[in-house]
PDB file of N, CA and C in Angstrom:
ATOM      1  N   UNK A   1       0.845  -1.191   0.000  1.00  0.00           N
ATOM      2  CA  UNK A   1       0.000   0.000   0.000  1.00  0.00           C
ATOM      3  C   UNK A   1       0.883   1.244   0.000  1.00  0.00           C
ATOM      4  N   UNK A   2       0.487   2.255  -0.718  1.00  0.00           N
ATOM      5  CA  UNK A   2       1.215   3.512  -0.794  1.00  0.00           C
ATOM      6  C   UNK A   2       1.274   4.169   0.577  1.00  0.00           C
ATOM      7  N   UNK A   3       2.465   4.599   0.977  1.00  0.00           N
ATOM      8  CA  UNK A   3       2.592   5.171   2.319  1.00  0.00           C
ATOM      9  C   UNK A   3       1.847   6.487   2.474  1.00  0.00           C
ATOM     10  N   UNK A   4       1.521   7.169   1.389  1.00  0.00           N
ATOM     11  CA  UNK A   4       0.720   8.385   1.486  1.00  0.00           C
ATOM     12  C   UNK A   4      -0.652   8.059   2.058  1.00  0.00           C
ATOM     13  N   UNK A   5      -1.147   6.861   1.742  1.00  0.00           N
ATOM     14  CA  UNK A   5      -2.471   6.468   2.209  1.00  0.00           C
ATOM     15  C   UNK A   5      -2.436   5.703   3.527  1.00  0.00           C
ATOM     16  N   UNK A   6      -1.244   5.386   4.014  1.00  0.00           N
ATOM     17  CA  UNK A   6      -1.120   4.665   5.269  1.00  0.00           C
ATOM     18  C   UNK A   6       0.110   5.159   6.042  1.00  0.00           C
ATOM     19  N   UNK A   7       0.215   6.483   6.266  1.00  0.00           N
ATOM     20  CA  UNK A   7       1.394   7.009   6.948  1.00  0.00           C
ATOM     21  C   UNK A   7       1.343   6.726   8.451  1.00  0.00           C
ATOM     22  N   UNK A   8       2.498   6.686   9.094  1.00  0.00           N
ATOM     23  CA  UNK A   8       2.499   6.485  10.544  1.00  0.00           C
ATOM     24  C   UNK A   8       1.926   7.699  11.267  1.00  0.00           C
ATOM     25  N   UNK A   9       1.215   7.452  12.361  1.00  0.00           N
ATOM     26  CA  UNK A   9       0.715   8.544  13.205  1.00  0.00           C
ATOM     27  C   UNK A   9       1.813   8.900  14.200  1.00  0.00           C
ATOM     28  N   UNK A  10       2.234  10.160  14.194  1.00  0.00           N
ATOM     29  CA  UNK A  10       3.357  10.586  15.032  1.00  0.00           C
ATOM     30  C   UNK A  10       2.943  11.488  16.185  1.00  0.00           C
ATOM     31  N   UNK A  11       1.670  11.821  16.281  1.00  0.00           N
ATOM     32  CA  UNK A  11       1.187  12.671  17.369  1.00  0.00           C
ATOM     33  C   UNK A  11       1.527  14.135  17.157  1.00  0.00           C
ATOM     34  N   UNK A  12       1.492  14.875  18.234  1.00  0.00           N
ATOM     35  CA  UNK A  12       1.790  16.309  18.189  1.00  0.00           C
ATOM     36  C   UNK A  12       3.292  16.520  18.384  1.00  0.00           C
ATOM     37  N   UNK A  13       3.846  17.576  17.775  1.00  0.00           N
ATOM     38  CA  UNK A  13       5.266  17.840  17.984  1.00  0.00           C
ATOM     39  C   UNK A  13       5.552  18.246  19.427  1.00  0.00           C
ATOM     40  N   UNK A  14       6.587  17.675  19.988  1.00  0.00           N
ATOM     41  CA  UNK A  14       7.028  18.004  21.337  1.00  0.00           C
ATOM     42  C   UNK A  14       8.103  19.081  21.216  1.00  0.00           C
ATOM     43  N   UNK A  15       7.873  20.271  21.760  1.00  0.00           N
ATOM     44  CA  UNK A  15       8.846  21.355  21.625  1.00  0.00           C
ATOM     45  C   UNK A  15      10.196  21.057  22.276  1.00  0.00           C
ATOM     46  N   UNK A  16      10.246  20.054  23.135  1.00  0.00           N
ATOM     47  CA  UNK A  16      11.501  19.666  23.789  1.00  0.00           C
ATOM     48  C   UNK A  16      12.362  18.779  22.874  1.00  0.00           C
ATOM     49  N   UNK A  17      11.769  18.266  21.796  1.00  0.00           N
ATOM     50  CA  UNK A  17      12.467  17.347  20.895  1.00  0.00           C
ATOM     51  C   UNK A  17      12.766  18.024  19.563  1.00  0.00           C
ATOM     52  N   UNK A  18      13.627  17.397  18.774  1.00  0.00           N
ATOM     53  CA  UNK A  18      14.000  17.951  17.477  1.00  0.00           C
ATOM     54  C   UNK A  18      12.868  17.757  16.483  1.00  0.00           C
ATOM     55  N   UNK A  19      12.449  18.872  15.867  1.00  0.00           N
ATOM     56  CA  UNK A  19      11.389  18.863  14.859  1.00  0.00           C
ATOM     57  C   UNK A  19      11.771  19.803  13.725  1.00  0.00           C
ATOM     58  N   UNK A  20      11.592  19.351  12.503  1.00  0.00           N
ATOM     59  CA  UNK A  20      11.818  20.209  11.344  1.00  0.00           C
ATOM     60  C   UNK A  20      10.628  21.143  11.183  1.00  0.00           C
ATOM     61  N   UNK A  21      10.841  22.303  10.547  1.00  0.00           N
ATOM     62  CA  UNK A  21       9.731  23.240  10.363  1.00  0.00           C
ATOM     63  C   UNK A  21       8.640  22.676   9.460  1.00  0.00           C
ATOM     64  N   UNK A  22       7.395  23.144   9.685  1.00  0.00           N
ATOM     65  CA  UNK A  22       6.241  22.760   8.879  1.00  0.00           C
ATOM     66  C   UNK A  22       5.773  23.995   8.139  1.00  0.00           C
ATOM     67  N   UNK A  23       5.628  23.879   6.810  1.00  0.00           N
ATOM     68  CA  UNK A  23       5.219  25.019   5.989  1.00  0.00           C
ATOM     69  C   UNK A  23       4.178  24.580   4.969  1.00  0.00           C
ATOM     70  N   UNK A  24       3.532  25.558   4.371  1.00  0.00           N
ATOM     71  CA  UNK A  24       2.631  25.312   3.248  1.00  0.00           C
ATOM     72  C   UNK A  24       3.484  25.217   1.995  1.00  0.00           C
ATOM     73  N   UNK A  25       3.103  24.376   1.060  1.00  0.00           N
ATOM     74  CA  UNK A  25       3.863  24.206  -0.180  1.00  0.00           C
ATOM     75  C   UNK A  25       3.952  25.516  -0.949  1.00  0.00           C
ATOM     76  N   UNK A  26       2.903  26.324  -0.900  1.00  0.00           N
ATOM     77  CA  UNK A  26       2.882  27.578  -1.634  1.00  0.00           C
ATOM     78  C   UNK A  26       3.359  28.748  -0.783  1.00  0.00           C
ATOM     79  N   UNK A  27       3.687  28.494   0.456  1.00  0.00           N
ATOM     80  CA  UNK A  27       4.092  29.521   1.406  1.00  0.00           C
ATOM     81  C   UNK A  27       5.461  30.084   1.054  1.00  0.00           C
ATOM     82  N   UNK A  28       5.629  31.392   1.221  1.00  0.00           N
ATOM     83  CA  UNK A  28       6.933  32.021   1.004  1.00  0.00           C
ATOM     84  C   UNK A  28       7.978  31.447   1.946  1.00  0.00           C
ATOM     85  N   UNK A  29       7.540  31.007   3.123  1.00  0.00           N
ATOM     86  CA  UNK A  29       8.463  30.425   4.088  1.00  0.00           C
ATOM     87  C   UNK A  29       9.126  29.172   3.536  1.00  0.00           C
ATOM     88  N   UNK A  30       8.447  28.462   2.638  1.00  0.00           N
ATOM     89  CA  UNK A  30       9.026  27.241   2.080  1.00  0.00           C
ATOM     90  C   UNK A  30      10.356  27.562   1.405  1.00  0.00           C
ATOM     91  N   UNK A  31      10.381  28.645   0.624  1.00  0.00           N
ATOM     92  CA  UNK A  31      11.609  29.038  -0.058  1.00  0.00           C
ATOM     93  C   UNK A  31      12.702  29.396   0.939  1.00  0.00           C
ATOM     94  N   UNK A  32      12.340  30.083   2.007  1.00  0.00           N
ATOM     95  CA  UNK A  32      13.320  30.476   3.028  1.00  0.00           C
ATOM     96  C   UNK A  32      13.873  29.248   3.729  1.00  0.00           C
ATOM     97  N   UNK A  33      12.980  28.358   4.164  1.00  0.00           N
ATOM     98  CA  UNK A  33      13.434  27.144   4.852  1.00  0.00           C
ATOM     99  C   UNK A  33      14.223  26.233   3.918  1.00  0.00           C
ATOM    100  N   UNK A  34      13.835  26.192   2.644  1.00  0.00           N
ATOM    101  CA  UNK A  34      14.567  25.373   1.683  1.00  0.00           C
ATOM    102  C   UNK A  34      16.009  25.852   1.568  1.00  0.00           C
ATOM    103  N   UNK A  35      16.219  27.164   1.679  1.00  0.00           N
ATOM    104  CA  UNK A  35      17.583  27.704   1.646  1.00  0.00           C
ATOM    105  C   UNK A  35      18.326  27.396   2.938  1.00  0.00           C
ATOM    106  N   UNK A  36      17.613  27.411   4.063  1.00  0.00           N
ATOM    107  CA  UNK A  36      18.237  27.141   5.362  1.00  0.00           C
ATOM    108  C   UNK A  36      18.574  25.674   5.551  1.00  0.00           C
ATOM    109  N   UNK A  37      17.843  24.801   4.882  1.00  0.00           N
ATOM    110  CA  UNK A  37      18.024  23.359   5.034  1.00  0.00           C
ATOM    111  C   UNK A  37      18.339  22.728   3.673  1.00  0.00           C
ATOM    112  N   UNK A  38      19.397  23.197   2.988  1.00  0.00           N
ATOM    113  CA  UNK A  38      19.659  22.696   1.637  1.00  0.00           C
ATOM    114  C   UNK A  38      20.102  21.232   1.627  1.00  0.00           C
ATOM    115  N   UNK A  39      19.549  20.493   0.685  1.00  0.00           N
ATOM    116  CA  UNK A  39      19.977  19.121   0.446  1.00  0.00           C
ATOM    117  C   UNK A  39      19.877  18.216   1.667  1.00  0.00           C
ATOM    118  N   UNK A  40      19.056  18.544   2.616  1.00  0.00           N
ATOM    119  CA  UNK A  40      18.874  17.681   3.786  1.00  0.00           C
ATOM    120  C   UNK A  40      18.062  16.474   3.353  1.00  0.00           C
ATOM    121  N   UNK A  41      18.589  15.290   3.576  1.00  0.00           N
ATOM    122  CA  UNK A  41      17.838  14.110   3.152  1.00  0.00           C
ATOM    123  C   UNK A  41      16.746  13.693   4.125  1.00  0.00           C
ATOM    124  N   UNK A  42      16.672  14.321   5.299  1.00  0.00           N
ATOM    125  CA  UNK A  42      15.694  13.889   6.294  1.00  0.00           C
ATOM    126  C   UNK A  42      14.973  15.064   6.932  1.00  0.00           C
ATOM    127  N   UNK A  43      13.792  14.754   7.483  1.00  0.00           N
ATOM    128  CA  UNK A  43      13.044  15.671   8.338  1.00  0.00           C
ATOM    129  C   UNK A  43      12.965  15.007   9.703  1.00  0.00           C
ATOM    130  N   UNK A  44      12.859  15.800  10.729  1.00  0.00           N
ATOM    131  CA  UNK A  44      12.719  15.254  12.080  1.00  0.00           C
ATOM    132  C   UNK A  44      11.343  15.561  12.630  1.00  0.00           C
ATOM    133  N   UNK A  45      10.786  14.575  13.336  1.00  0.00           N
ATOM    134  CA  UNK A  45       9.544  14.763  14.070  1.00  0.00           C
ATOM    135  C   UNK A  45       9.714  14.042  15.392  1.00  0.00           C
ATOM    136  N   UNK A  46       9.775  14.813  16.463  1.00  0.00           N
ATOM    137  CA  UNK A  46       9.979  14.283  17.814  1.00  0.00           C
ATOM    138  C   UNK A  46      11.210  13.360  17.886  1.00  0.00           C
ATOM    139  N   UNK A  47      12.309  13.868  17.336  1.00  0.00           N
ATOM    140  CA  UNK A  47      13.622  13.197  17.347  1.00  0.00           C
ATOM    141  C   UNK A  47      13.714  11.986  16.428  1.00  0.00           C
ATOM    142  N   UNK A  48      12.694  11.707  15.624  1.00  0.00           N
ATOM    143  CA  UNK A  48      12.743  10.591  14.689  1.00  0.00           C
ATOM    144  C   UNK A  48      12.979  11.162  13.289  1.00  0.00           C
ATOM    145  N   UNK A  49      13.952  10.568  12.566  1.00  0.00           N
ATOM    146  CA  UNK A  49      14.283  11.029  11.219  1.00  0.00           C
ATOM    147  C   UNK A  49      13.415  10.313  10.185  1.00  0.00           C
ATOM    148  N   UNK A  50      12.932  11.084   9.199  1.00  0.00           N
ATOM    149  CA  UNK A  50      12.147  10.558   8.090  1.00  0.00           C
ATOM    150  C   UNK A  50      12.810  11.012   6.795  1.00  0.00           C
ATOM    151  N   UNK A  51      12.891  10.113   5.825  1.00  0.00           N
ATOM    152  CA  UNK A  51      13.522  10.411   4.543  1.00  0.00           C
ATOM    153  C   UNK A  51      12.658  11.372   3.727  1.00  0.00           C
ATOM    154  N   UNK A  52      13.313  12.148   2.860  1.00  0.00           N
ATOM    155  CA  UNK A  52      12.597  13.030   1.955  1.00  0.00           C
ATOM    156  C   UNK A  52      11.629  12.197   1.119  1.00  0.00           C
ATOM    157  N   UNK A  53      10.385  12.644   1.039  1.00  0.00           N
ATOM    158  CA  UNK A  53       9.338  11.923   0.319  1.00  0.00           C
ATOM    159  C   UNK A  53       8.422  11.118   1.214  1.00  0.00           C
ATOM    160  N   UNK A  54       8.813  10.890   2.477  1.00  0.00           N
ATOM    161  CA  UNK A  54       7.954  10.142   3.400  1.00  0.00           C
ATOM    162  C   UNK A  54       6.827  11.021   3.917  1.00  0.00           C
ATOM    163  N   UNK A  55       5.712  10.365   4.270  1.00  0.00           N
ATOM    164  CA  UNK A  55       4.542  11.033   4.821  1.00  0.00           C
ATOM    165  C   UNK A  55       4.345  10.606   6.263  1.00  0.00           C
ATOM    166  N   UNK A  56       3.781  11.516   7.082  1.00  0.00           N
ATOM    167  CA  UNK A  56       3.367  11.190   8.443  1.00  0.00           C
ATOM    168  C   UNK A  56       2.027  11.854   8.704  1.00  0.00           C
ATOM    169  N   UNK A  57       1.294  11.294   9.669  1.00  0.00           N
ATOM    170  CA  UNK A  57       0.063  11.897  10.171  1.00  0.00           C
ATOM    171  C   UNK A  57       0.409  12.539  11.510  1.00  0.00           C
ATOM    172  N   UNK A  58       0.230  13.831  11.608  1.00  0.00           N
ATOM    173  CA  UNK A  58       0.617  14.550  12.821  1.00  0.00           C
ATOM    174  C   UNK A  58      -0.592  15.172  13.498  1.00  0.00           C
ATOM    175  N   UNK A  59      -0.429  15.425  14.793  1.00  0.00           N
ATOM    176  CA  UNK A  59      -1.438  16.142  15.560  1.00  0.00           C
ATOM    177  C   UNK A  59      -2.831  15.576  15.416  1.00  0.00           C
ATOM    178  N   UNK A  60      -3.719  16.376  14.885  1.00  0.00           N
ATOM    179  CA  UNK A  60      -5.131  15.988  14.740  1.00  0.00           C
ATOM    180  C   UNK A  60      -5.450  15.504  13.332  1.00  0.00           C
ATOM    181  N   UNK A  61      -4.539  14.726  12.779  1.00  0.00           N
ATOM    182  CA  UNK A  61      -4.802  14.138  11.469  1.00  0.00           C
ATOM    183  C   UNK A  61      -4.304  14.946  10.296  1.00  0.00           C
ATOM    184  N   UNK A  62      -3.261  15.734  10.496  1.00  0.00           N
ATOM    185  CA  UNK A  62      -2.690  16.539   9.423  1.00  0.00           C
ATOM    186  C   UNK A  62      -1.637  15.714   8.672  1.00  0.00           C
ATOM    187  N   UNK A  63      -1.790  15.597   7.354  1.00  0.00           N
ATOM    188  CA  UNK A  63      -0.853  14.848   6.534  1.00  0.00           C
ATOM    189  C   UNK A  63       0.329  15.754   6.170  1.00  0.00           C
ATOM    190  N   UNK A  64       1.542  15.290   6.520  1.00  0.00           N
ATOM    191  CA  UNK A  64       2.761  16.034   6.222  1.00  0.00           C
ATOM    192  C   UNK A  64       3.665  15.197   5.345  1.00  0.00           C
ATOM    193  N   UNK A  65       4.369  15.867   4.408  1.00  0.00           N
ATOM    194  CA  UNK A  65       5.338  15.208   3.537  1.00  0.00           C
ATOM    195  C   UNK A  65       6.707  15.831   3.783  1.00  0.00           C
ATOM    196  N   UNK A  66       7.719  14.981   3.969  1.00  0.00           N
ATOM    197  CA  UNK A  66       9.082  15.474   4.149  1.00  0.00           C
ATOM    198  C   UNK A  66       9.635  15.895   2.796  1.00  0.00           C
ATOM    199  N   UNK A  67      10.124  17.112   2.730  1.00  0.00           N
ATOM    200  CA  UNK A  67      10.693  17.642   1.493  1.00  0.00           C
ATOM    201  C   UNK A  67      12.043  18.267   1.807  1.00  0.00           C
ATOM    202  N   UNK A  68      13.089  17.439   1.765  1.00  0.00           N
ATOM    203  CA  UNK A  68      14.469  17.888   1.957  1.00  0.00           C
ATOM    204  C   UNK A  68      14.651  18.743   3.209  1.00  0.00           C
ATOM    205  N   UNK A  69      14.225  18.198   4.336  1.00  0.00           N
ATOM    206  CA  UNK A  69      14.453  18.854   5.613  1.00  0.00           C
ATOM    207  C   UNK A  69      13.325  19.729   6.126  1.00  0.00           C
ATOM    208  N   UNK A  70      12.255  19.856   5.349  1.00  0.00           N
ATOM    209  CA  UNK A  70      11.118  20.697   5.730  1.00  0.00           C
ATOM    210  C   UNK A  70       9.840  19.871   5.562  1.00  0.00           C
ATOM    211  N   UNK A  71       8.941  19.936   6.543  1.00  0.00           N
ATOM    212  CA  UNK A  71       7.637  19.279   6.424  1.00  0.00           C
ATOM    213  C   UNK A  71       6.706  20.177   5.631  1.00  0.00           C
ATOM    214  N   UNK A  72       6.027  19.606   4.638  1.00  0.00           N
ATOM    215  CA  UNK A  72       5.083  20.348   3.811  1.00  0.00           C
ATOM    216  C   UNK A  72       3.692  19.803   4.085  1.00  0.00           C
ATOM    217  N   UNK A  73       2.739  20.691   4.368  1.00  0.00           N
ATOM    218  CA  UNK A  73       1.354  20.279   4.610  1.00  0.00           C
ATOM    219  C   UNK A  73       0.730  19.778   3.314  1.00  0.00           C
ATOM    220  N   UNK A  74       0.165  18.582   3.385  1.00  0.00           N
ATOM    221  CA  UNK A  74      -0.448  17.955   2.210  1.00  0.00           C
ATOM    222  C   UNK A  74      -1.950  17.809   2.351  1.00  0.00           C
ATOM    223  N   UNK A  75      -2.509  18.147   3.504  1.00  0.00           N
ATOM    224  CA  UNK A  75      -3.944  18.013   3.714  1.00  0.00           C
ATOM    225  C   UNK A  75      -4.250  17.181   4.942  1.00  0.00           C
ATOM    226  N   UNK A  76      -5.303  16.390   4.838  1.00  0.00           N
ATOM    227  CA  UNK A  76      -5.792  15.604   5.959  1.00  0.00           C
ATOM    228  C   UNK A  76      -5.406  14.130   5.803  1.00  0.00           C
ATOM    229  N   UNK A  77      -5.281  13.448   6.919  1.00  0.00           N
ATOM    230  CA  UNK A  77      -5.027  12.012   6.917  1.00  0.00           C
ATOM    231  C   UNK A  77      -6.315  11.217   6.761  1.00  0.00           C
ATOM    232  N   UNK A  78      -7.446  11.877   6.846  1.00  0.00           N
ATOM    233  CA  UNK A  78      -8.741  11.220   6.693  1.00  0.00           C
ATOM    234  C   UNK A  78      -8.958  10.890   5.219  1.00  0.00           C
ATOM    235  N   UNK A  79      -8.982   9.598   4.867  1.00  0.00           N
ATOM    236  CA  UNK A  79      -9.131   9.227   3.455  1.00  0.00           C
ATOM    237  C   UNK A  79     -10.462   9.673   2.837  1.00  0.00           C
ATOM    238  N   UNK A  80     -11.459   9.915   3.677  1.00  0.00           N
ATOM    239  CA  UNK A  80     -12.753  10.367   3.172  1.00  0.00           C
ATOM    240  C   UNK A  80     -12.835  11.874   3.047  1.00  0.00           C
ATOM    241  N   UNK A  81     -11.839  12.576   3.585  1.00  0.00           N
ATOM    242  CA  UNK A  81     -11.837  14.039   3.556  1.00  0.00           C
ATOM    243  C   UNK A  81     -10.410  14.547   3.402  1.00  0.00           C
ATOM    244  N   UNK A  82      -9.790  14.281   2.234  1.00  0.00           N
ATOM    245  CA  UNK A  82      -8.381  14.677   2.059  1.00  0.00           C
ATOM    246  C   UNK A  82      -8.271  16.138   1.954  1.00  0.00           C
TER     247      UNK A  82
END
């Protein structure tokens, strides 16, 4: 099964742990963070590393995609309401 449709649930980010920034794909911040985190092959969520291209379900069902060191919001983890 495609991991986009069955991503691991990682809960809410713990501010005490290492977490990569979360941005909107169209957000101006994406360009800034992309410059700050160039060529990073992983994103962190609560001290766990995820490879670029991996998806996770965070918080209250928010689908995130790792994009070279930055989490990009992809929508909802609810398959009936993406």
